[in-house]
Amino acid sequence: MGHSLTLELPENVYQSLLKTATQIGQQPEILAVQWLKKITQQQKTDPLEKFIGAFNSNIPDWADKHDKYLGQSLLDKH
């Protein structure tokens, strides 16, 4: 059974959706559903998800700033 969902998109998001849909000859509504299906499938099959919360850290903001810390670590080593 399907469900209806009404969304209010920012103009730039809608224009991107419309442009892509037009290029492939698809209705924007259909393309949006395809995109949502794809992203939910990717989330279900994330191989690293099982490790979320598996490790303790003494860095309280690790979740928010992990890219910064990893990048800094790479710079420090090279």
PDB file of N, CA and C in Angstrom:
ATOM      1  N   MET A   1       0.842  -1.177   0.000  1.00  0.00           N
ATOM      2  CA  MET A   1       0.000   0.000   0.000  1.00  0.00           C
ATOM      3  C   MET A   1       0.884   1.235   0.000  1.00  0.00           C
ATOM      4  N   GLY A   2       0.582   2.172  -0.871  1.00  0.00           N
ATOM      5  CA  GLY A   2       1.340   3.409  -0.946  1.00  0.00           C
ATOM      6  C   GLY A   2       0.753   4.478  -0.047  1.00  0.00           C
ATOM      7  N   HIS A   3       1.517   5.497   0.179  1.00  0.00           N
ATOM      8  CA  HIS A   3       1.097   6.628   1.000  1.00  0.00           C
ATOM      9  C   HIS A   3       1.350   7.913   0.235  1.00  0.00           C
ATOM     10  N   SER A   4       0.496   8.887   0.437  1.00  0.00           N
ATOM     11  CA  SER A   4       0.683  10.205  -0.164  1.00  0.00           C
ATOM     12  C   SER A   4       1.446  11.080   0.806  1.00  0.00           C
ATOM     13  N   LEU A   5       2.307  11.932   0.257  1.00  0.00           N
ATOM     14  CA  LEU A   5       3.112  12.836   1.062  1.00  0.00           C
ATOM     15  C   LEU A   5       3.230  14.159   0.317  1.00  0.00           C
ATOM     16  N   THR A   6       2.870  15.233   0.974  1.00  0.00           N
ATOM     17  CA  THR A   6       2.982  16.555   0.375  1.00  0.00           C
ATOM     18  C   THR A   6       4.205  17.237   0.964  1.00  0.00           C
ATOM     19  N   LEU A   7       5.095  17.696   0.095  1.00  0.00           N
ATOM     20  CA  LEU A   7       6.328  18.335   0.534  1.00  0.00           C
ATOM     21  C   LEU A   7       6.409  19.757   0.000  1.00  0.00           C
ATOM     22  N   GLU A   8       6.989  20.642   0.791  1.00  0.00           N
ATOM     23  CA  GLU A   8       7.293  21.989   0.315  1.00  0.00           C
ATOM     24  C   GLU A   8       8.808  22.067   0.171  1.00  0.00           C
ATOM     25  N   LEU A   9       9.257  22.173  -1.073  1.00  0.00           N
ATOM     26  CA  LEU A   9      10.686  22.155  -1.362  1.00  0.00           C
ATOM     27  C   LEU A   9      11.227  23.563  -1.546  1.00  0.00           C
ATOM     28  N   PRO A  10      12.462  23.794  -1.134  1.00  0.00           N
ATOM     29  CA  PRO A  10      13.101  25.063  -1.474  1.00  0.00           C
ATOM     30  C   PRO A  10      13.208  25.175  -2.995  1.00  0.00           C
ATOM     31  N   GLU A  11      13.206  26.374  -3.496  1.00  0.00           N
ATOM     32  CA  GLU A  11      13.210  26.608  -4.946  1.00  0.00           C
ATOM     33  C   GLU A  11      14.382  25.908  -5.632  1.00  0.00           C
ATOM     34  N   ASN A  12      15.574  25.997  -5.049  1.00  0.00           N
ATOM     35  CA  ASN A  12      16.741  25.391  -5.705  1.00  0.00           C
ATOM     36  C   ASN A  12      16.633  23.866  -5.756  1.00  0.00           C
ATOM     37  N   VAL A  13      16.045  23.256  -4.755  1.00  0.00           N
ATOM     38  CA  VAL A  13      15.858  21.802  -4.751  1.00  0.00           C
ATOM     39  C   VAL A  13      14.840  21.411  -5.817  1.00  0.00           C
ATOM     40  N   TYR A  14      13.747  22.161  -5.888  1.00  0.00           N
ATOM     41  CA  TYR A  14      12.726  21.855  -6.885  1.00  0.00           C
ATOM     42  C   TYR A  14      13.272  22.030  -8.301  1.00  0.00           C
ATOM     43  N   GLN A  15      14.033  23.101  -8.526  1.00  0.00           N
ATOM     44  CA  GLN A  15      14.574  23.346  -9.866  1.00  0.00           C
ATOM     45  C   GLN A  15      15.535  22.234 -10.280  1.00  0.00           C
ATOM     46  N   SER A  16      16.333  21.752  -9.349  1.00  0.00           N
ATOM     47  CA  SER A  16      17.234  20.640  -9.640  1.00  0.00           C
ATOM     48  C   SER A  16      16.451  19.377  -9.976  1.00  0.00           C
ATOM     49  N   LEU A  17      15.416  19.114  -9.203  1.00  0.00           N
ATOM     50  CA  LEU A  17      14.551  17.962  -9.450  1.00  0.00           C
ATOM     51  C   LEU A  17      13.876  18.083 -10.813  1.00  0.00           C
ATOM     52  N   LEU A  18      13.337  19.249 -11.099  1.00  0.00           N
ATOM     53  CA  LEU A  18      12.646  19.485 -12.369  1.00  0.00           C
ATOM     54  C   LEU A  18      13.596  19.351 -13.552  1.00  0.00           C
ATOM     55  N   LYS A  19      14.791  19.917 -13.438  1.00  0.00           N
ATOM     56  CA  LYS A  19      15.777  19.842 -14.523  1.00  0.00           C
ATOM     57  C   LYS A  19      16.154  18.391 -14.817  1.00  0.00           C
ATOM     58  N   THR A  20      16.443  17.635 -13.770  1.00  0.00           N
ATOM     59  CA  THR A  20      16.825  16.237 -13.955  1.00  0.00           C
ATOM     60  C   THR A  20      15.669  15.427 -14.525  1.00  0.00           C
ATOM     61  N   ALA A  21      14.478  15.649 -14.006  1.00  0.00           N
ATOM     62  CA  ALA A  21      13.299  14.929 -14.498  1.00  0.00           C
ATOM     63  C   ALA A  21      13.058  15.227 -15.971  1.00  0.00           C
ATOM     64  N   THR A  22      13.195  16.478 -16.360  1.00  0.00           N
ATOM     65  CA  THR A  22      13.000  16.867 -17.759  1.00  0.00           C
ATOM     66  C   THR A  22      14.045  16.204 -18.650  1.00  0.00           C
ATOM     67  N   GLN A  23      15.285  16.170 -18.192  1.00  0.00           N
ATOM     68  CA  GLN A  23      16.368  15.574 -18.980  1.00  0.00           C
ATOM     69  C   GLN A  23      16.145  14.093 -19.250  1.00  0.00           C
ATOM     70  N   ILE A  24      15.534  13.404 -18.307  1.00  0.00           N
ATOM     71  CA  ILE A  24      15.334  11.960 -18.497  1.00  0.00           C
ATOM     72  C   ILE A  24      13.905  11.611 -18.912  1.00  0.00           C
ATOM     73  N   GLY A  25      13.085  12.646 -19.141  1.00  0.00           N
ATOM     74  CA  GLY A  25      11.719  12.411 -19.602  1.00  0.00           C
ATOM     75  C   GLY A  25      10.811  11.808 -18.548  1.00  0.00           C
ATOM     76  N   GLN A  26      10.991  12.221 -17.327  1.00  0.00           N
ATOM     77  CA  GLN A  26      10.233  11.674 -16.208  1.00  0.00           C
ATOM     78  C   GLN A  26       9.479  12.794 -15.490  1.00  0.00           C
ATOM     79  N   GLN A  27       8.380  12.470 -14.872  1.00  0.00           N
ATOM     80  CA  GLN A  27       7.677  13.460 -14.060  1.00  0.00           C
ATOM     81  C   GLN A  27       8.471  13.691 -12.776  1.00  0.00           C
ATOM     82  N   PRO A  28       8.539  14.938 -12.297  1.00  0.00           N
ATOM     83  CA  PRO A  28       9.308  15.210 -11.081  1.00  0.00           C
ATOM     84  C   PRO A  28       8.831  14.392  -9.881  1.00  0.00           C
ATOM     85  N   GLU A  29       7.541  14.160  -9.785  1.00  0.00           N
ATOM     86  CA  GLU A  29       7.005  13.390  -8.663  1.00  0.00           C
ATOM     87  C   GLU A  29       7.538  11.957  -8.669  1.00  0.00           C
ATOM     88  N   ILE A  30       7.597  11.367  -9.860  1.00  0.00           N
ATOM     89  CA  ILE A  30       8.092   9.991 -10.000  1.00  0.00           C
ATOM     90  C   ILE A  30       9.581   9.933  -9.671  1.00  0.00           C
ATOM     91  N   LEU A  31      10.327  10.921 -10.172  1.00  0.00           N
ATOM     92  CA  LEU A  31      11.759  10.964  -9.901  1.00  0.00           C
ATOM     93  C   LEU A  31      12.028  11.141  -8.406  1.00  0.00           C
ATOM     94  N   ALA A  32      11.257  11.983  -7.750  1.00  0.00           N
ATOM     95  CA  ALA A  32      11.426  12.198  -6.308  1.00  0.00           C
ATOM     96  C   ALA A  32      11.209  10.890  -5.545  1.00  0.00           C
ATOM     97  N   VAL A  33      10.211  10.123  -5.932  1.00  0.00           N
ATOM     98  CA  VAL A  33       9.956   8.829  -5.289  1.00  0.00           C
ATOM     99  C   VAL A  33      11.138   7.886  -5.526  1.00  0.00           C
ATOM    100  N   GLN A  34      11.664   7.872  -6.747  1.00  0.00           N
ATOM    101  CA  GLN A  34      12.816   7.018  -7.046  1.00  0.00           C
ATOM    102  C   GLN A  34      14.021   7.406  -6.193  1.00  0.00           C
ATOM    103  N   TRP A  35      14.254   8.705  -6.049  1.00  0.00           N
ATOM    104  CA  TRP A  35      15.378   9.176  -5.229  1.00  0.00           C
ATOM    105  C   TRP A  35      15.192   8.761  -3.772  1.00  0.00           C
ATOM    106  N   LEU A  36      13.970   8.930  -3.265  1.00  0.00           N
ATOM    107  CA  LEU A  36      13.701   8.554  -1.872  1.00  0.00           C
ATOM    108  C   LEU A  36      13.881   7.048  -1.659  1.00  0.00           C
ATOM    109  N   LYS A  37      13.428   6.250  -2.622  1.00  0.00           N
ATOM    110  CA  LYS A  37      13.611   4.798  -2.526  1.00  0.00           C
ATOM    111  C   LYS A  37      15.093   4.453  -2.478  1.00  0.00           C
ATOM    112  N   LYS A  38      15.864   5.102  -3.344  1.00  0.00           N
ATOM    113  CA  LYS A  38      17.292   4.808  -3.424  1.00  0.00           C
ATOM    114  C   LYS A  38      18.005   5.161  -2.122  1.00  0.00           C
ATOM    115  N   ILE A  39      17.723   6.325  -1.578  1.00  0.00           N
ATOM    116  CA  ILE A  39      18.409   6.740  -0.352  1.00  0.00           C
ATOM    117  C   ILE A  39      18.009   5.863   0.829  1.00  0.00           C
ATOM    118  N   THR A  40      16.755   5.431   0.886  1.00  0.00           N
ATOM    119  CA  THR A  40      16.360   4.560   1.995  1.00  0.00           C
ATOM    120  C   THR A  40      17.001   3.180   1.856  1.00  0.00           C
ATOM    121  N   GLN A  41      17.189   2.708   0.638  1.00  0.00           N
ATOM    122  CA  GLN A  41      17.877   1.432   0.431  1.00  0.00           C
ATOM    123  C   GLN A  41      19.339   1.542   0.835  1.00  0.00           C
ATOM    124  N   GLN A  42      19.966   2.669   0.515  1.00  0.00           N
ATOM    125  CA  GLN A  42      21.369   2.871   0.884  1.00  0.00           C
ATOM    126  C   GLN A  42      21.523   2.888   2.396  1.00  0.00           C
ATOM    127  N   GLN A  43      20.570   3.487   3.081  1.00  0.00           N
ATOM    128  CA  GLN A  43      20.642   3.540   4.536  1.00  0.00           C
ATOM    129  C   GLN A  43      20.484   2.152   5.141  1.00  0.00           C
ATOM    130  N   LYS A  44      19.669   1.320   4.525  1.00  0.00           N
ATOM    131  CA  LYS A  44      19.458  -0.031   5.037  1.00  0.00           C
ATOM    132  C   LYS A  44      20.699  -0.895   4.864  1.00  0.00           C
ATOM    133  N   THR A  45      21.499  -0.611   3.846  1.00  0.00           N
ATOM    134  CA  THR A  45      22.634  -1.465   3.523  1.00  0.00           C
ATOM    135  C   THR A  45      23.975  -0.833   3.889  1.00  0.00           C
ATOM    136  N   ASP A  46      23.990   0.132   4.792  1.00  0.00           N
ATOM    137  CA  ASP A  46      25.234   0.774   5.202  1.00  0.00           C
ATOM    138  C   ASP A  46      26.061  -0.218   6.018  1.00  0.00           C
ATOM    139  N   PRO A  47      27.193  -0.678   5.475  1.00  0.00           N
ATOM    140  CA  PRO A  47      27.976  -1.696   6.178  1.00  0.00           C
ATOM    141  C   PRO A  47      28.624  -1.188   7.469  1.00  0.00           C
ATOM    142  N   LEU A  48      28.740   0.112   7.625  1.00  0.00           N
ATOM    143  CA  LEU A  48      29.371   0.662   8.828  1.00  0.00           C
ATOM    144  C   LEU A  48      28.380   0.966   9.941  1.00  0.00           C
ATOM    145  N   GLU A  49      27.090   0.860   9.650  1.00  0.00           N
ATOM    146  CA  GLU A  49      26.076   1.213  10.642  1.00  0.00           C
ATOM    147  C   GLU A  49      26.205   0.389  11.923  1.00  0.00           C
ATOM    148  N   LYS A  50      26.616  -0.853  11.791  1.00  0.00           N
ATOM    149  CA  LYS A  50      26.727  -1.703  12.977  1.00  0.00           C
ATOM    150  C   LYS A  50      27.797  -1.210  13.951  1.00  0.00           C
ATOM    151  N   PHE A  51      28.694  -0.337  13.482  1.00  0.00           N
ATOM    152  CA  PHE A  51      29.750   0.175  14.346  1.00  0.00           C
ATOM    153  C   PHE A  51      29.374   1.474  15.054  1.00  0.00           C
ATOM    154  N   ILE A  52      28.230   2.055  14.696  1.00  0.00           N
ATOM    155  CA  ILE A  52      27.811   3.299  15.337  1.00  0.00           C
ATOM    156  C   ILE A  52      27.587   3.039  16.820  1.00  0.00           C
ATOM    157  N   GLY A  53      28.274   3.798  17.643  1.00  0.00           N
ATOM    158  CA  GLY A  53      28.155   3.652  19.088  1.00  0.00           C
ATOM    159  C   GLY A  53      28.953   2.498  19.676  1.00  0.00           C
ATOM    160  N   ALA A  54      29.734   1.810  18.852  1.00  0.00           N
ATOM    161  CA  ALA A  54      30.468   0.642  19.322  1.00  0.00           C
ATOM    162  C   ALA A  54      31.769   0.996  20.038  1.00  0.00           C
ATOM    163  N   PHE A  55      32.245   2.222  19.873  1.00  0.00           N
ATOM    164  CA  PHE A  55      33.530   2.610  20.444  1.00  0.00           C
ATOM    165  C   PHE A  55      33.364   3.798  21.377  1.00  0.00           C
ATOM    166  N   ASN A  56      34.121   3.781  22.454  1.00  0.00           N
ATOM    167  CA  ASN A  56      34.140   4.910  23.381  1.00  0.00           C
ATOM    168  C   ASN A  56      35.227   5.889  22.957  1.00  0.00           C
ATOM    169  N   SER A  57      34.984   7.160  23.206  1.00  0.00           N
ATOM    170  CA  SER A  57      35.944   8.199  22.854  1.00  0.00           C
ATOM    171  C   SER A  57      35.987   9.229  23.970  1.00  0.00           C
ATOM    172  N   ASN A  58      37.141   9.785  24.190  1.00  0.00           N
ATOM    173  CA  ASN A  58      37.278  10.873  25.152  1.00  0.00           C
ATOM    174  C   ASN A  58      37.065  12.228  24.488  1.00  0.00           C
ATOM    175  N   ILE A  59      36.594  12.208  23.267  1.00  0.00           N
ATOM    176  CA  ILE A  59      36.357  13.442  22.515  1.00  0.00           C
ATOM    177  C   ILE A  59      34.845  13.640  22.428  1.00  0.00           C
ATOM    178  N   PRO A  60      34.288  14.568  23.220  1.00  0.00           N
ATOM    179  CA  PRO A  60      32.829  14.700  23.303  1.00  0.00           C
ATOM    180  C   PRO A  60      32.144  15.153  22.011  1.00  0.00           C
ATOM    181  N   ASP A  61      32.854  15.874  21.148  1.00  0.00           N
ATOM    182  CA  ASP A  61      32.222  16.361  19.919  1.00  0.00           C
ATOM    183  C   ASP A  61      32.670  15.574  18.688  1.00  0.00           C
ATOM    184  N   TRP A  62      33.135  14.352  18.885  1.00  0.00           N
ATOM    185  CA  TRP A  62      33.619  13.512  17.786  1.00  0.00           C
ATOM    186  C   TRP A  62      32.569  13.340  16.688  1.00  0.00           C
ATOM    187  N   ALA A  63      31.337  13.100  17.057  1.00  0.00           N
ATOM    188  CA  ALA A  63      30.286  12.859  16.058  1.00  0.00           C
ATOM    189  C   ALA A  63      30.098  14.067  15.153  1.00  0.00           C
ATOM    190  N   ASP A  64      30.207  15.258  15.704  1.00  0.00           N
ATOM    191  CA  ASP A  64      29.988  16.473  14.919  1.00  0.00           C
ATOM    192  C   ASP A  64      31.227  16.925  14.156  1.00  0.00           C
ATOM    193  N   LYS A  65      32.414  16.615  14.665  1.00  0.00           N
ATOM    194  CA  LYS A  65      33.639  17.158  14.070  1.00  0.00           C
ATOM    195  C   LYS A  65      34.625  16.082  13.614  1.00  0.00           C
ATOM    196  N   HIS A  66      34.137  14.877  13.335  1.00  0.00           N
ATOM    197  CA  HIS A  66      35.050  13.800  12.970  1.00  0.00           C
ATOM    198  C   HIS A  66      35.843  14.095  11.706  1.00  0.00           C
ATOM    199  N   ASP A  67      35.230  14.754  10.718  1.00  0.00           N
ATOM    200  CA  ASP A  67      35.961  15.087   9.494  1.00  0.00           C
ATOM    201  C   ASP A  67      37.140  16.002   9.802  1.00  0.00           C
ATOM    202  N   LYS A  68      36.905  16.982  10.657  1.00  0.00           N
ATOM    203  CA  LYS A  68      37.965  17.915  11.045  1.00  0.00           C
ATOM    204  C   LYS A  68      39.107  17.163  11.722  1.00  0.00           C
ATOM    205  N   TYR A  69      38.768  16.290  12.670  1.00  0.00           N
ATOM    206  CA  TYR A  69      39.795  15.555  13.405  1.00  0.00           C
ATOM    207  C   TYR A  69      40.571  14.590  12.504  1.00  0.00           C
ATOM    208  N   LEU A  70      39.884  13.912  11.612  1.00  0.00           N
ATOM    209  CA  LEU A  70      40.565  13.003  10.691  1.00  0.00           C
ATOM    210  C   LEU A  70      41.484  13.769   9.749  1.00  0.00           C
ATOM    211  N   GLY A  71      40.988  14.888   9.236  1.00  0.00           N
ATOM    212  CA  GLY A  71      41.807  15.721   8.356  1.00  0.00           C
ATOM    213  C   GLY A  71      43.036  16.250   9.068  1.00  0.00           C
ATOM    214  N   GLN A  72      42.863  16.706  10.298  1.00  0.00           N
ATOM    215  CA  GLN A  72      43.998  17.212  11.072  1.00  0.00           C
ATOM    216  C   GLN A  72      45.015  16.107  11.319  1.00  0.00           C
ATOM    217  N   SER A  73      44.537  14.914  11.599  1.00  0.00           N
ATOM    218  CA  SER A  73      45.428  13.781  11.820  1.00  0.00           C
ATOM    219  C   SER A  73      46.252  13.484  10.568  1.00  0.00           C
ATOM    220  N   LEU A  74      45.620  13.540   9.406  1.00  0.00           N
ATOM    221  CA  LEU A  74      46.339  13.309   8.150  1.00  0.00           C
ATOM    222  C   LEU A  74      47.380  14.387   7.910  1.00  0.00           C
ATOM    223  N   LEU A  75      47.033  15.638   8.194  1.00  0.00           N
ATOM    224  CA  LEU A  75      47.989  16.734   8.016  1.00  0.00           C
ATOM    225  C   LEU A  75      49.174  16.590   8.965  1.00  0.00           C
ATOM    226  N   ASP A  76      48.909  16.166  10.181  1.00  0.00           N
ATOM    227  CA  ASP A  76      49.975  16.008  11.170  1.00  0.00           C
ATOM    228  C   ASP A  76      50.962  14.913  10.777  1.00  0.00           C
ATOM    229  N   LYS A  77      50.481  13.885  10.098  1.00  0.00           N
ATOM    230  CA  LYS A  77      51.333  12.753   9.726  1.00  0.00           C
ATOM    231  C   LYS A  77      52.106  12.994   8.437  1.00  0.00           C
ATOM    232  N   HIS A  78      51.697  13.974   7.647  1.00  0.00           N
ATOM    233  CA  HIS A  78      52.354  14.183   6.347  1.00  0.00           C
ATOM    234  C   HIS A  78      52.943  15.541   6.249  1.00  0.00           C
TER     235      HIS A  78
END
